[in-house]
Amino acid sequence: MSKLTIQFIPYAEIDNLKSGERIKKLLKVVLENKIIVLQGKLKPEEEARLIEDTMALIGHIKGFKGVELAVLSPKSKSPMLTGLKSGISKFLVGDRESITLIGPATIIREMKKDPSKIELMIRGK
């Protein structure tokens, strides 16, 4: 039976990296056949870059079939003033309340997301 490795990456670990370095760091972990649980979420352009870089690697790295990615964000049911504070906070320090899962498609068969959970189906050996 093979091992399943899940690596938690706190947002502070990627916060000071440039966008390209961030993607490179995440891809390095995924290429080690690990599933990443990332505190926070990537910017939309970083998600797009991650997918683009992943597609470029398919066919060049033996057995690599891409990545699966899902983001779970809390629903804000706060009053308008608290929502404004939250928006300013996200602008200044990034969205750290979300959780992002990123994993190799060779391990993850499917990710299903609803507002309160992510179901992760892995491939059996």
Protein backbone atom coordinates (compact mmCIF):
# COMPACT_ATOMS: atom_id res chain seq x y z
CA MET A 1 0.00 0.00 0.00
CA SER A 2 1.42 3.41 -0.95
CA LYS A 3 1.49 6.43 1.33
CA LEU A 4 -0.62 9.55 0.95
CA THR A 5 1.22 12.69 2.03
CA ILE A 6 -0.57 15.93 2.83
CA GLN A 7 1.56 19.01 3.34
CA PHE A 8 0.20 22.09 5.09
CA ILE A 9 1.65 25.38 3.83
CA PRO A 10 0.89 28.42 5.97
CA TYR A 11 0.25 31.61 4.03
CA ALA A 12 3.25 33.26 5.74
CA GLU A 13 5.52 30.75 3.95
CA ILE A 14 4.55 32.08 0.50
CA ASP A 15 3.53 35.63 1.41
CA ASN A 16 6.87 37.29 0.63
CA LEU A 17 7.46 35.35 -2.60
CA LYS A 18 6.89 36.86 -6.02
CA SER A 19 4.04 35.34 -7.98
CA GLY A 20 6.27 33.13 -10.16
CA GLU A 21 8.25 31.90 -7.15
CA ARG A 22 4.99 31.06 -5.37
CA ILE A 23 3.82 28.90 -8.29
CA LYS A 24 7.24 27.24 -8.58
CA LYS A 25 7.22 26.34 -4.85
CA LEU A 26 3.71 24.86 -5.03
CA LEU A 27 4.48 22.87 -8.19
CA LYS A 28 7.63 21.47 -6.59
CA VAL A 29 5.54 20.04 -3.73
CA VAL A 30 2.91 18.63 -6.11
CA LEU A 31 5.64 17.01 -8.23
CA GLU A 32 6.69 15.15 -5.06
CA ASN A 33 3.20 13.53 -5.19
CA LYS A 34 1.97 15.44 -2.15
CA ILE A 35 -1.40 17.08 -1.64
CA ILE A 36 -1.09 20.69 -0.49
CA VAL A 37 -3.41 22.26 2.06
CA LEU A 38 -2.67 25.97 1.62
CA GLN A 39 -3.82 28.55 4.14
CA GLY A 40 -5.45 31.28 2.08
CA LYS A 41 -5.85 31.30 -1.66
CA LEU A 42 -3.95 32.31 -4.73
CA LYS A 43 -4.82 35.37 -6.78
CA PRO A 44 -6.88 34.53 -9.89
CA GLU A 45 -3.89 35.25 -12.15
CA GLU A 46 -1.73 32.92 -10.02
CA GLU A 47 -4.30 30.12 -10.33
CA ALA A 48 -4.27 30.63 -14.11
CA ARG A 49 -0.46 30.58 -14.14
CA LEU A 50 -0.43 27.39 -12.05
CA ILE A 51 -2.72 25.70 -14.57
CA GLU A 52 -0.66 26.99 -17.53
CA ASP A 53 2.63 25.80 -16.00
CA THR A 54 1.04 22.45 -15.17
CA MET A 55 -0.16 21.97 -18.74
CA ALA A 56 3.35 22.76 -20.00
CA LEU A 57 4.79 20.00 -17.78
CA ILE A 58 2.41 17.28 -18.98
CA GLY A 59 4.29 15.00 -21.34
CA HIS A 60 7.67 16.28 -20.15
CA ILE A 61 7.66 14.63 -16.71
CA LYS A 62 7.06 10.90 -16.64
CA GLY A 63 3.71 10.00 -15.07
CA PHE A 64 2.64 13.61 -14.45
CA LYS A 65 -0.98 14.18 -15.47
CA GLY A 66 -1.66 17.65 -14.07
CA VAL A 67 -3.17 19.06 -10.89
CA GLU A 68 -6.54 19.29 -9.22
CA LEU A 69 -7.34 22.49 -7.35
CA ALA A 70 -10.22 23.59 -5.11
CA VAL A 71 -10.76 26.58 -2.82
CA LEU A 72 -13.03 26.68 0.20
CA SER A 73 -13.91 30.17 1.47
CA PRO A 74 -16.09 31.02 4.45
CA LYS A 75 -19.36 32.78 3.76
CA SER A 76 -19.46 36.18 5.37
CA LYS A 77 -22.75 36.91 7.13
CA SER A 78 -21.44 40.05 8.73
CA PRO A 79 -22.94 43.52 8.81
CA MET A 80 -21.79 45.98 6.19
CA LEU A 81 -19.15 47.70 8.37
CA THR A 82 -17.56 44.40 9.38
CA GLY A 83 -17.65 43.32 5.73
CA LEU A 84 -15.85 46.52 4.75
CA LYS A 85 -13.17 45.87 7.38
CA SER A 86 -12.81 42.33 6.09
CA GLY A 87 -12.45 43.61 2.52
CA ILE A 88 -9.72 46.07 3.51
CA SER A 89 -7.93 43.35 5.47
CA LYS A 90 -8.01 40.97 2.49
CA PHE A 91 -6.65 43.73 0.25
CA LEU A 92 -3.75 44.45 2.62
CA VAL A 93 -2.70 40.95 3.73
CA GLY A 94 -4.46 38.58 1.33
CA ASP A 95 -7.30 36.14 1.88
CA ARG A 96 -6.08 33.96 4.74
CA GLU A 97 -9.50 32.69 5.79
CA SER A 98 -9.78 30.44 2.75
CA ILE A 99 -8.24 27.00 2.33
CA THR A 100 -6.84 25.82 -1.00
CA LEU A 101 -6.25 22.17 -1.87
CA ILE A 102 -3.82 21.40 -4.69
CA GLY A 103 -2.76 17.90 -5.61
CA PRO A 104 -1.45 15.76 -8.44
CA ALA A 105 -4.09 14.35 -10.78
CA THR A 106 -2.32 10.98 -10.54
CA ILE A 107 -3.44 10.76 -6.89
CA ILE A 108 -6.63 12.83 -6.85
CA ARG A 109 -9.42 11.38 -8.91
CA GLU A 110 -11.94 14.11 -8.23
CA MET A 111 -12.67 17.10 -5.97
CA LYS A 112 -16.28 18.03 -5.23
CA LYS A 113 -16.95 21.34 -3.57
CA ASP A 114 -20.02 22.79 -1.93
CA PRO A 115 -20.16 25.93 0.22
CA SER A 116 -19.06 24.21 3.43
CA LYS A 117 -16.81 21.30 2.42
CA ILE A 118 -14.57 19.73 -0.18
CA GLU A 119 -14.83 16.02 -0.92
CA LEU A 120 -11.56 14.56 -2.11
CA MET A 121 -11.67 11.25 -3.96
CA ILE A 122 -8.28 9.59 -4.39
CA ARG A 123 -7.25 6.93 -6.84
CA GLY A 124 -6.83 3.42 -5.49
CA LYS A 125 -3.85 1.28 -6.39
